[in-house]
Amino acid sequence: MTNIPTATNWLLTSIGSAEQPLIRSTYMVVSKKTSRKGTAFSLTTGFLVTNEHVIRDSAARDLVVIASTGQHLGVKRMVVDADLDLAALELTQQPREGLRIQTAPPSIGERVHTWGYPLAYNGPSPILSVGYLAGFNPVQRTESSPIVRHYVVNGAFNPGNSGGPLIAAIEDAVVGVVVSKHAPISEWHLSALEALKNQKSGFQYTATDSAGDKHTFSEGQLVGDLLQYFREITQVVIGEAIAADDLINFLDANVLPWVAA
């Protein structure tokens, strides 16, 4: 375990051998353009899977993929499907580990878990979130979009867990892709939040981001951004994950290979 960060070394020595390929197959994805952060996992065929919303508005050159070893990897190609909220990333070098896909769905009440990089946690090693499959939620992005089946999990999924592997009975096989926590909001409140975020008039505030770039916000936009932030960090302990069936459909439609468990 030479050249492995101390935190990752501790993690690998504290878990069973069955979980180690999963740890080494989980990555943090950061966009230098949008500052969005999420989780991704590698398949045995070499591609990384994450959510489309994690890399939205970014090109391949904008993305940095960080392994649990702390190694930074580049992305040379992206394949995305906004309706399914899925993306596949081809790295500039082949991942050392990868996961299979479990084609048999988990059962209601079955324990599931994920590894990832929630909220402000930036690793280098991913951390564990555990829950139980509680039900299903049909999701349709637009009227013309297909209905996607989301698993509902009573687990603490947070922003940053998006794109992580959902694991059930088979340790090195995914049953789904973590997509979000379940945070219901009424259409009225959602429209009010969007109106604030798009309000450009009024008192102006200038902030500097972590890259040193300056951004100007109106008072309304600042309030909207703060309300959105507090909504995201409020924990309701209900998360959602895209079912493996839709992941398989996405991979097959884009002629991307995968291996069944």
Protein backbone atom coordinates (compact mmCIF):
# COMPACT_ATOMS: atom_id res chain seq x y z
CA MET A 1 0.00 0.00 0.00
CA THR A 2 2.91 2.37 -0.63
CA ASN A 3 2.09 5.79 -2.05
CA ILE A 4 -1.51 5.47 -0.82
CA PRO A 5 -2.78 8.39 1.30
CA THR A 6 -3.06 7.64 5.01
CA ALA A 7 -6.87 7.99 5.08
CA THR A 8 -7.27 5.54 2.20
CA ASN A 9 -4.80 3.15 3.79
CA TRP A 10 -6.81 3.22 7.03
CA LEU A 11 -10.03 2.60 5.10
CA LEU A 12 -8.68 -0.33 3.11
CA THR A 13 -7.34 -2.02 6.27
CA SER A 14 -10.62 -1.53 8.16
CA ILE A 15 -12.99 -3.10 5.60
CA GLY A 16 -13.29 -6.60 4.18
CA SER A 17 -11.50 -7.59 1.00
CA ALA A 18 -14.81 -7.73 -0.87
CA GLU A 19 -15.28 -3.97 -0.46
CA GLN A 20 -11.78 -3.00 -1.58
CA PRO A 21 -12.45 -3.20 -5.35
CA LEU A 22 -15.46 -0.95 -4.74
CA ILE A 23 -13.33 1.65 -2.94
CA ARG A 24 -10.74 1.61 -5.72
CA SER A 25 -13.50 1.88 -8.35
CA THR A 26 -15.04 5.03 -6.81
CA TYR A 27 -13.86 8.48 -7.89
CA MET A 28 -14.57 12.14 -7.21
CA VAL A 29 -15.45 14.25 -10.26
CA VAL A 30 -14.89 18.02 -10.21
CA SER A 31 -15.66 20.55 -12.92
CA LYS A 32 -13.15 23.39 -13.07
CA LYS A 33 -15.71 25.39 -15.08
CA THR A 34 -18.85 25.10 -12.91
CA SER A 35 -17.28 24.07 -9.56
CA ARG A 36 -19.78 21.19 -9.38
CA LYS A 37 -18.60 18.08 -7.57
CA GLY A 38 -19.93 14.55 -7.64
CA THR A 39 -19.04 10.88 -7.49
CA ALA A 40 -18.33 8.40 -10.29
CA PHE A 41 -17.49 4.71 -10.52
CA SER A 42 -15.59 2.66 -13.07
CA LEU A 43 -16.96 -0.36 -14.88
CA THR A 44 -14.83 -3.41 -15.61
CA THR A 45 -14.74 -2.24 -19.24
CA GLY A 46 -12.93 0.99 -18.26
CA PHE A 47 -15.61 3.65 -18.59
CA LEU A 48 -16.66 5.79 -15.63
CA VAL A 49 -20.36 6.35 -14.89
CA THR A 50 -21.77 9.43 -13.19
CA ASN A 51 -24.83 11.71 -13.39
CA GLU A 52 -25.31 14.13 -16.26
CA HIS A 53 -26.12 16.93 -13.82
CA VAL A 54 -22.67 16.55 -12.21
CA ILE A 55 -20.90 17.46 -15.47
CA ARG A 56 -23.60 19.68 -16.98
CA ASP A 57 -22.29 22.73 -18.90
CA SER A 58 -18.76 21.26 -18.86
CA ALA A 59 -16.52 19.91 -21.60
CA ALA A 60 -14.19 16.94 -21.16
CA ARG A 61 -11.22 19.29 -20.69
CA ASP A 62 -13.02 20.97 -17.75
CA LEU A 63 -13.26 17.79 -15.70
CA VAL A 64 -10.82 16.39 -13.15
CA VAL A 65 -11.32 12.84 -11.88
CA ILE A 66 -9.65 12.07 -8.54
CA ALA A 67 -9.02 8.48 -7.42
CA SER A 68 -9.02 7.27 -3.82
CA THR A 69 -5.22 7.19 -4.12
CA GLY A 70 -5.26 10.96 -4.70
CA GLN A 71 -4.25 10.53 -8.35
CA HIS A 72 -5.70 13.15 -10.72
CA LEU A 73 -6.95 11.83 -14.07
CA GLY A 74 -8.13 13.63 -17.20
CA VAL A 75 -11.22 12.95 -19.32
CA LYS A 76 -10.90 12.63 -23.09
CA ARG A 77 -14.51 11.80 -24.04
CA MET A 78 -17.99 12.16 -22.57
CA VAL A 79 -21.27 10.47 -23.50
CA VAL A 80 -24.35 12.02 -21.87
CA ASP A 81 -28.11 11.49 -21.68
CA ALA A 82 -29.87 14.37 -19.94
CA ASP A 83 -33.24 12.59 -19.87
CA LEU A 84 -31.81 9.67 -17.91
CA ASP A 85 -29.37 11.94 -16.02
CA LEU A 86 -26.51 9.61 -16.88
CA ALA A 87 -23.03 10.18 -18.29
CA ALA A 88 -20.10 7.95 -19.24
CA LEU A 89 -16.54 9.27 -19.12
CA GLU A 90 -13.55 7.86 -20.96
CA LEU A 91 -10.35 8.68 -19.10
CA THR A 92 -6.94 9.49 -20.49
CA GLN A 93 -5.72 6.26 -18.86
CA GLN A 94 -7.40 2.98 -17.97
CA PRO A 95 -8.76 2.58 -14.41
CA ARG A 96 -7.14 -0.23 -12.43
CA GLU A 97 -10.41 -1.57 -10.99
CA GLY A 98 -14.00 -1.78 -12.20
CA LEU A 99 -17.47 -2.98 -11.24
CA ARG A 100 -20.02 -5.26 -12.86
CA ILE A 101 -23.75 -4.56 -13.16
CA GLN A 102 -26.26 -6.65 -11.20
CA THR A 103 -29.16 -7.32 -13.56
CA ALA A 104 -31.44 -8.79 -10.87
CA PRO A 105 -33.17 -5.91 -9.04
CA PRO A 106 -32.92 -5.61 -5.25
CA SER A 107 -35.96 -6.35 -3.12
CA ILE A 108 -37.94 -3.92 -0.98
CA GLY A 109 -36.37 -3.94 2.47
CA GLU A 110 -32.98 -5.07 1.19
CA ARG A 111 -29.96 -3.22 2.59
CA VAL A 112 -28.11 -1.10 0.04
CA HIS A 113 -25.12 1.20 0.34
CA THR A 114 -22.92 3.58 -1.60
CA TRP A 115 -19.45 5.11 -1.36
CA GLY A 116 -18.93 8.72 -2.36
CA TYR A 117 -17.94 12.31 -1.65
CA PRO A 118 -20.94 14.09 -0.07
CA LEU A 119 -21.17 17.81 0.73
CA ALA A 120 -17.77 19.37 1.56
CA TYR A 121 -16.02 16.02 2.06
CA ASN A 122 -13.26 15.77 -0.56
CA GLY A 123 -11.49 12.55 0.33
CA PRO A 124 -9.13 11.25 -0.84
CA SER A 125 -10.99 8.07 0.08
CA PRO A 126 -14.79 7.90 -0.35
CA ILE A 127 -17.09 7.50 2.64
CA LEU A 128 -19.95 5.08 3.23
CA SER A 129 -23.71 5.78 3.25
CA VAL A 130 -26.09 2.92 4.14
CA GLY A 131 -29.85 2.49 3.87
CA TYR A 132 -32.67 0.19 2.79
CA LEU A 133 -34.60 0.05 -0.46
CA ALA A 134 -37.92 1.59 0.49
CA GLY A 135 -39.84 1.94 -2.79
CA PHE A 136 -39.92 3.41 -6.28
CA ASN A 137 -40.44 6.86 -7.77
CA PRO A 138 -41.22 7.45 -11.47
CA VAL A 139 -39.33 10.50 -12.76
CA GLN A 140 -39.97 12.36 -16.04
CA ARG A 141 -37.78 15.36 -16.84
CA THR A 142 -40.07 16.82 -19.55
CA GLU A 143 -43.39 15.78 -21.11
CA SER A 144 -41.53 14.22 -24.04
CA SER A 145 -38.89 12.50 -21.90
CA PRO A 146 -39.09 8.81 -21.00
CA ILE A 147 -40.20 7.82 -17.51
CA VAL A 148 -37.20 6.72 -15.47
CA ARG A 149 -37.57 4.39 -12.50
CA HIS A 150 -35.78 5.67 -9.43
CA TYR A 151 -35.20 3.53 -6.38
CA VAL A 152 -36.14 5.31 -3.17
CA VAL A 153 -33.70 4.59 -0.35
CA ASN A 154 -34.03 5.61 3.29
CA GLY A 155 -30.35 6.53 3.39
CA ALA A 156 -28.43 9.75 3.93
CA PHE A 157 -27.65 10.68 0.33
CA ASN A 158 -26.40 14.24 -0.05
CA PRO A 159 -25.14 16.53 -2.84
CA GLY A 160 -21.80 15.06 -3.86
CA ASN A 161 -23.08 11.47 -3.59
CA SER A 162 -24.65 11.95 -7.03
CA GLY A 163 -23.18 9.52 -9.54
CA GLY A 164 -22.07 6.99 -6.94
CA PRO A 165 -22.63 3.23 -7.22
CA LEU A 166 -25.62 1.73 -5.41
CA ILE A 167 -24.62 -1.70 -4.09
CA ALA A 168 -26.83 -4.51 -2.77
CA ALA A 169 -26.11 -8.22 -2.38
CA ILE A 170 -23.11 -8.59 -4.72
CA GLU A 171 -20.16 -6.55 -3.46
CA ASP A 172 -18.56 -5.64 -6.79
CA ALA A 173 -21.78 -5.11 -8.78
CA VAL A 174 -24.03 -2.03 -8.99
CA VAL A 175 -27.82 -2.15 -8.86
CA GLY A 176 -28.21 1.56 -9.56
CA VAL A 177 -26.66 5.01 -9.75
CA VAL A 178 -27.22 7.44 -6.87
CA VAL A 179 -28.88 10.52 -8.31
CA SER A 180 -30.12 12.74 -5.48
CA LYS A 181 -31.67 13.00 -2.11
CA HIS A 182 -35.44 13.19 -2.10
CA ALA A 183 -36.25 16.81 -1.24
CA PRO A 184 -39.85 17.62 -2.21
CA ILE A 185 -40.76 21.23 -2.96
CA SER A 186 -44.05 22.71 -4.18
CA GLU A 187 -44.26 24.19 -7.68
CA TRP A 188 -45.03 27.60 -6.13
CA HIS A 189 -41.95 27.58 -3.92
CA LEU A 190 -39.80 26.24 -6.77
CA SER A 191 -40.96 29.05 -9.08
CA ALA A 192 -40.30 31.62 -6.33
CA LEU A 193 -36.79 30.23 -5.86
CA GLU A 194 -36.13 30.39 -9.61
CA ALA A 195 -37.45 33.98 -9.74
CA LEU A 196 -35.01 35.03 -7.02
CA LYS A 197 -32.10 33.28 -8.74
CA ASN A 198 -32.90 35.11 -12.01
CA GLN A 199 -33.42 38.56 -10.41
CA LYS A 200 -30.51 40.68 -11.69
CA SER A 201 -31.62 44.13 -10.55
CA GLY A 202 -31.11 45.77 -7.15
CA PHE A 203 -28.15 45.83 -4.78
CA GLN A 204 -25.04 44.20 -6.30
CA TYR A 205 -22.61 41.94 -4.43
CA THR A 206 -19.22 40.74 -5.73
CA ALA A 207 -17.69 37.46 -4.55
CA THR A 208 -14.48 35.61 -5.40
CA ASP A 209 -14.62 31.84 -5.92
CA SER A 210 -11.98 29.25 -5.04
CA ALA A 211 -10.33 29.71 -8.45
CA GLY A 212 -9.91 33.45 -7.87
CA ASP A 213 -12.62 34.45 -10.37
CA LYS A 214 -14.99 37.28 -9.43
CA HIS A 215 -18.76 36.93 -9.77
CA THR A 216 -21.43 39.60 -9.31
CA PHE A 217 -24.84 38.78 -7.79
CA SER A 218 -27.91 40.88 -7.20
CA GLU A 219 -29.50 40.91 -3.76
CA GLY A 220 -32.30 38.65 -5.04
CA GLN A 221 -29.85 36.21 -6.61
CA LEU A 222 -27.86 36.06 -3.39
CA VAL A 223 -30.99 35.26 -1.37
CA GLY A 224 -32.02 32.63 -3.93
CA ASP A 225 -28.57 31.05 -3.86
CA LEU A 226 -28.55 30.90 -0.05
CA LEU A 227 -32.05 29.36 0.05
CA GLN A 228 -30.99 26.78 -2.55
CA TYR A 229 -27.89 25.96 -0.50
CA PHE A 230 -29.88 25.43 2.70
CA ARG A 231 -32.41 23.28 0.83
CA GLU A 232 -29.58 21.10 -0.47
CA ILE A 233 -27.96 20.54 2.92
CA THR A 234 -31.23 19.84 4.74
CA GLN A 235 -31.16 16.11 5.40
CA VAL A 236 -34.42 14.20 5.06
CA VAL A 237 -32.68 10.80 5.02
CA ILE A 238 -34.41 9.72 1.82
CA GLY A 239 -32.34 9.32 -1.33
CA GLU A 240 -32.95 8.17 -4.89
CA ALA A 241 -30.98 6.10 -7.38
CA ILE A 242 -31.44 5.34 -11.08
CA ALA A 243 -32.21 1.65 -11.54
CA ALA A 244 -29.64 -0.57 -13.27
CA ASP A 245 -32.12 -1.26 -16.09
CA ASP A 246 -31.87 2.35 -17.24
CA LEU A 247 -28.09 2.32 -16.83
CA ILE A 248 -27.93 -0.75 -19.08
CA ASN A 249 -30.25 0.90 -21.63
CA PHE A 250 -27.99 3.98 -21.65
CA LEU A 251 -24.83 1.90 -22.15
CA ASP A 252 -26.38 -0.27 -24.87
CA ALA A 253 -27.82 2.73 -26.75
CA ASN A 254 -24.34 4.29 -26.88
CA VAL A 255 -22.57 0.99 -27.68
CA LEU A 256 -20.61 1.09 -24.43
CA PRO A 257 -19.61 -2.36 -23.12
CA TRP A 258 -20.50 -3.65 -19.66
CA VAL A 259 -20.26 -6.91 -17.75
CA ALA A 260 -23.16 -8.55 -15.89
CA ALA A 261 -22.72 -9.95 -12.40
